Amino acid sequence: MKKIIFICFSLLLALTGGCSMNDNDKNTTNDNKTEAVKPKDMDPKDLPQVPAFQDEKTREYMVSTKEEEPGYYLLESKLKGFRMLFPEDGEYSDSETSNTNESLFFDSVNKKTNIVMNASVKFYKNESFINKPETMLDIVSGKNEYNGNFEKVETKDKDIYFASKQENFDREEKPSYIFLGYIKSKKQDYLGIEYSFMFSCSANAQTCKQNPKDYEEKVKKILNSVTFNLEEREDGE
């Protein structure tokens, strides 16, 4: 009789334990399926109080509210072709998108230094000329009226072509500093980005101390952070 009671009790424990494990498994599965809310779908009050998130158009590009580096967050293009660091004081100004390319224009204003940055990045995919750096650099040079050479910096996943120039648009104003070039993916054909960053004194600034070295470091930080989305391949590989 005792043996029968013990067997029944053991079966009851096994059944109860089994149910508990199934509930835990369900909870784990549900947790794994839970996706983080994107910044564009969040209340602005819950977002970082910086232009990159407080501007409605800009936050559509922001991946998360996590600060990747001091003063920088992560941006993803609308075509999901690339990601890069984006300055917290950056703000959307315009964009153009098609099936094979996407242009993003953005500005930032440093209120402490009165320096304005005007930037543009244009992403290309599945265009034959993208694999020809000479052609792309001719395009970039023409758009920026640049006649000099480009420095080539190689990383494990991309080649960065970089150049700079100084421009005096008005003799009475301080010069503007422009950084331009092209980034080509090394892991995948027909993926690339042309870029241009211009730094100048704010039009209404009473004082403006320029530091081209700081500008260059900022631009190179952003360029080095660029990653191409390899899952964007249309051949399914």
Protein backbone atom coordinates (compact mmCIF):
# COMPACT_ATOMS: atom_id res chain seq x y z
CA MET A 1 0.00 0.00 0.00
CA LYS A 2 2.85 2.37 0.89
CA LYS A 3 4.52 1.56 -2.43
CA ILE A 4 1.32 2.51 -4.32
CA ILE A 5 1.05 5.83 -2.44
CA PHE A 6 4.73 6.63 -3.15
CA ILE A 7 4.29 5.94 -6.88
CA CYS A 8 1.18 8.15 -7.04
CA PHE A 9 2.99 10.98 -5.20
CA SER A 10 5.97 10.72 -7.57
CA LEU A 11 3.68 10.90 -10.59
CA LEU A 12 1.97 13.98 -9.14
CA LEU A 13 5.34 15.75 -8.67
CA ALA A 14 6.42 14.88 -12.19
CA LEU A 15 3.20 16.23 -13.68
CA THR A 16 3.39 19.43 -11.61
CA GLY A 17 7.05 19.97 -12.50
CA GLY A 18 6.31 19.38 -16.14
CA CYS A 19 3.62 22.04 -16.15
CA SER A 20 5.94 24.52 -14.45
CA MET A 21 8.67 23.92 -17.01
CA ASN A 22 6.23 24.39 -19.87
CA ASP A 23 5.12 27.74 -18.42
CA ASN A 24 8.74 28.86 -18.08
CA ASP A 25 9.49 27.81 -21.63
CA LYS A 26 6.52 29.82 -22.84
CA ASN A 27 7.68 32.89 -20.93
CA THR A 28 11.20 32.53 -22.33
CA THR A 29 9.84 32.22 -25.85
CA ASN A 30 7.66 35.30 -25.39
CA ASP A 31 10.61 37.28 -24.00
CA ASN A 32 12.76 36.35 -26.99
CA LYS A 33 10.06 37.52 -29.36
CA THR A 34 9.76 40.87 -27.62
CA GLU A 35 11.33 43.57 -29.78
CA ALA A 36 12.73 46.82 -28.49
CA VAL A 37 10.65 49.89 -29.27
CA LYS A 38 12.31 52.07 -31.89
CA PRO A 39 13.02 55.73 -31.07
CA LYS A 40 10.60 56.92 -33.76
CA ASP A 41 7.76 55.14 -31.92
CA MET A 42 8.64 56.47 -28.48
CA ASP A 43 7.37 59.53 -26.63
CA PRO A 44 9.90 62.37 -27.16
CA LYS A 45 9.84 62.94 -23.38
CA ASP A 46 11.42 59.51 -22.92
CA LEU A 47 14.16 60.13 -25.48
CA PRO A 48 17.56 61.81 -25.01
CA GLN A 49 17.09 65.58 -24.93
CA VAL A 50 19.30 66.23 -27.95
CA PRO A 51 18.43 67.28 -31.54
CA ALA A 52 19.09 63.81 -32.98
CA PHE A 53 16.07 62.49 -31.04
CA GLN A 54 13.96 65.56 -30.40
CA ASP A 55 13.68 66.33 -34.12
CA GLU A 56 10.90 64.18 -35.59
CA LYS A 57 12.54 63.60 -38.97
CA THR A 58 15.97 62.80 -37.53
CA ARG A 59 14.83 60.19 -35.00
CA GLU A 60 13.35 58.10 -37.84
CA TYR A 61 16.96 57.16 -38.64
CA MET A 62 18.10 56.44 -35.11
CA VAL A 63 18.58 52.77 -34.17
CA SER A 64 18.32 53.07 -30.39
CA THR A 65 18.75 55.45 -27.48
CA LYS A 66 22.03 53.79 -26.51
CA GLU A 67 24.98 56.17 -26.68
CA GLU A 68 27.63 54.35 -28.73
CA GLU A 69 30.37 56.84 -27.86
CA PRO A 70 30.20 60.10 -25.89
CA GLY A 71 28.09 62.44 -28.01
CA TYR A 72 27.30 59.85 -30.71
CA TYR A 73 24.40 57.51 -31.43
CA LEU A 74 23.80 54.94 -34.17
CA LEU A 75 22.05 55.83 -37.42
CA GLU A 76 20.68 53.44 -40.05
CA SER A 77 19.75 54.46 -43.59
CA LYS A 78 16.16 54.09 -44.78
CA LEU A 79 17.29 51.47 -47.32
CA LYS A 80 19.02 49.70 -44.41
CA GLY A 81 22.16 49.65 -46.52
CA PHE A 82 24.53 51.07 -43.91
CA ARG A 83 24.94 52.25 -40.33
CA MET A 84 27.22 54.90 -38.89
CA LEU A 85 27.81 57.07 -35.85
CA PHE A 86 25.66 60.19 -35.75
CA PRO A 87 26.41 63.28 -33.62
CA GLU A 88 23.90 64.05 -30.89
CA ASP A 89 23.54 67.63 -32.16
CA GLY A 90 22.95 66.46 -35.73
CA GLU A 91 19.62 67.24 -37.34
CA TYR A 92 17.95 66.09 -40.58
CA SER A 93 17.68 68.71 -43.33
CA ASP A 94 16.74 66.75 -46.46
CA SER A 95 16.84 63.33 -48.16
CA GLU A 96 16.35 61.58 -51.49
CA THR A 97 15.67 57.87 -51.91
CA SER A 98 15.31 55.50 -54.87
CA ASN A 99 15.71 51.74 -55.34
CA THR A 100 19.48 51.95 -55.84
CA ASN A 101 20.62 55.00 -53.87
CA GLU A 102 19.80 57.18 -50.92
CA SER A 103 21.00 60.68 -50.03
CA LEU A 104 20.85 62.09 -46.52
CA PHE A 105 21.63 65.70 -45.68
CA PHE A 106 22.06 66.84 -42.09
CA ASP A 107 23.39 69.81 -40.11
CA SER A 108 24.65 70.46 -36.62
CA VAL A 109 25.39 73.61 -34.65
CA ASN A 110 27.86 73.69 -31.78
CA LYS A 111 26.53 76.49 -29.60
CA LYS A 112 29.75 76.67 -27.58
CA THR A 113 32.05 77.22 -30.56
CA ASN A 114 29.50 78.69 -33.01
CA ILE A 115 30.63 76.15 -35.62
CA VAL A 116 28.11 74.83 -38.14
CA MET A 117 28.53 71.48 -39.88
CA ASN A 118 26.70 70.79 -43.14
CA ALA A 119 27.00 67.17 -44.22
CA SER A 120 25.76 64.87 -46.95
CA VAL A 121 26.15 61.13 -47.49
CA LYS A 122 24.92 59.27 -50.55
CA PHE A 123 24.60 55.50 -50.47
CA TYR A 124 24.76 53.46 -53.68
CA LYS A 125 23.98 49.80 -54.33
CA ASN A 126 23.78 47.56 -57.41
CA GLU A 127 25.29 50.13 -59.77
CA SER A 128 28.28 49.01 -61.89
CA PHE A 129 30.25 52.27 -61.50
CA ILE A 130 30.36 51.85 -57.71
CA ASN A 131 33.15 49.29 -58.08
CA LYS A 132 35.32 51.84 -59.89
CA PRO A 133 36.87 54.19 -57.31
CA GLU A 134 38.36 56.39 -60.04
CA THR A 135 34.90 57.03 -61.47
CA MET A 136 33.41 57.73 -58.06
CA LEU A 137 36.23 60.09 -57.09
CA ASP A 138 35.74 61.98 -60.36
CA ILE A 139 32.07 62.38 -59.44
CA VAL A 140 32.90 63.57 -55.92
CA SER A 141 35.59 65.96 -57.20
CA GLY A 142 33.22 67.46 -59.76
CA LYS A 143 30.45 68.05 -57.22
CA ASN A 144 32.86 69.75 -54.82
CA GLU A 145 35.07 71.56 -57.38
CA TYR A 146 38.11 69.72 -56.09
CA ASN A 147 41.24 69.11 -58.19
CA GLY A 148 43.58 67.39 -55.74
CA ASN A 149 44.43 63.84 -54.73
CA PHE A 150 42.72 61.52 -52.26
CA GLU A 151 44.28 59.66 -49.35
CA LYS A 152 43.32 55.96 -49.27
CA VAL A 153 42.77 54.29 -45.90
CA GLU A 154 42.20 50.52 -45.92
CA THR A 155 40.34 48.63 -43.21
CA LYS A 156 39.31 44.97 -43.16
CA ASP A 157 35.83 45.70 -44.50
CA LYS A 158 36.12 48.93 -46.52
CA ASP A 159 38.37 51.36 -48.38
CA ILE A 160 38.04 55.03 -47.41
CA TYR A 161 39.13 57.74 -49.86
CA PHE A 162 39.62 61.05 -48.08
CA ALA A 163 40.51 64.62 -49.07
CA SER A 164 40.06 68.12 -47.69
CA LYS A 165 40.08 71.67 -48.95
CA GLN A 166 39.62 75.21 -47.70
CA GLU A 167 37.09 77.51 -49.29
CA ASN A 168 36.61 81.28 -48.99
CA PHE A 169 33.11 82.07 -50.10
CA ASP A 170 33.35 85.67 -48.92
CA ARG A 171 36.55 87.64 -48.38
CA GLU A 172 35.15 89.25 -45.25
CA GLU A 173 34.18 85.93 -43.70
CA LYS A 174 36.35 83.22 -42.20
CA PRO A 175 37.07 80.23 -44.46
CA SER A 176 35.07 77.02 -44.60
CA TYR A 177 36.74 73.62 -44.35
CA ILE A 178 35.43 70.79 -46.53
CA PHE A 179 36.14 67.06 -46.21
CA LEU A 180 35.10 64.86 -49.08
CA GLY A 181 35.54 61.42 -50.55
CA TYR A 182 34.19 57.95 -51.08
CA ILE A 183 33.83 54.69 -49.12
CA LYS A 184 33.79 51.33 -50.91
CA SER A 185 32.79 48.02 -49.35
CA LYS A 186 35.46 45.31 -49.58
CA LYS A 187 33.19 42.46 -48.51
CA GLN A 188 30.51 43.01 -51.11
CA ASP A 189 30.52 44.37 -54.65
CA TYR A 190 28.42 47.34 -55.72
CA LEU A 191 28.10 49.00 -52.32
CA GLY A 192 29.52 52.44 -51.62
CA ILE A 193 29.02 55.90 -50.12
CA GLU A 194 30.13 59.33 -51.30
CA TYR A 195 30.33 62.01 -48.63
CA SER A 196 30.95 65.70 -47.98
CA PHE A 197 31.30 67.54 -44.64
CA MET A 198 31.67 71.31 -44.46
CA PHE A 199 32.51 73.28 -41.30
CA SER A 200 32.09 77.04 -41.05
CA CYS A 201 31.33 79.80 -38.59
CA SER A 202 27.72 80.48 -37.77
CA ALA A 203 26.43 83.45 -39.78
CA ASN A 204 25.36 85.36 -36.66
CA ALA A 205 28.36 84.47 -34.50
CA GLN A 206 30.20 87.33 -32.83
CA THR A 207 33.16 85.06 -32.06
CA CYS A 208 34.25 81.90 -33.83
CA LYS A 209 37.48 80.02 -33.24
CA GLN A 210 38.08 77.37 -35.90
CA ASN A 211 40.07 74.16 -35.43
CA PRO A 212 40.43 72.15 -38.69
CA LYS A 213 42.17 69.30 -36.83
CA ASP A 214 39.11 68.80 -34.66
CA TYR A 215 36.90 68.83 -37.75
CA GLU A 216 39.03 66.18 -39.43
CA GLU A 217 38.99 63.93 -36.36
CA LYS A 218 35.21 64.19 -36.14
CA VAL A 219 34.72 63.31 -39.81
CA LYS A 220 37.14 60.39 -39.66
CA LYS A 221 35.41 59.04 -36.55
CA ILE A 222 32.12 58.96 -38.47
CA LEU A 223 33.69 57.47 -41.62
CA ASN A 224 35.50 54.72 -39.72
CA SER A 225 32.25 53.76 -38.01
CA VAL A 226 30.44 53.03 -41.30
CA THR A 227 29.30 49.42 -41.68
CA PHE A 228 27.54 48.09 -44.74
CA ASN A 229 24.58 45.78 -44.29
CA LEU A 230 25.60 42.56 -46.06
CA GLU A 231 22.08 41.15 -45.73
CA GLU A 232 20.93 43.73 -48.25
CA ARG A 233 22.05 41.50 -51.13
CA GLU A 234 19.24 40.86 -53.57
CA ASP A 235 20.57 37.51 -54.83
CA GLY A 236 19.70 35.91 -51.49
CA GLU A 237 23.22 34.73 -50.73
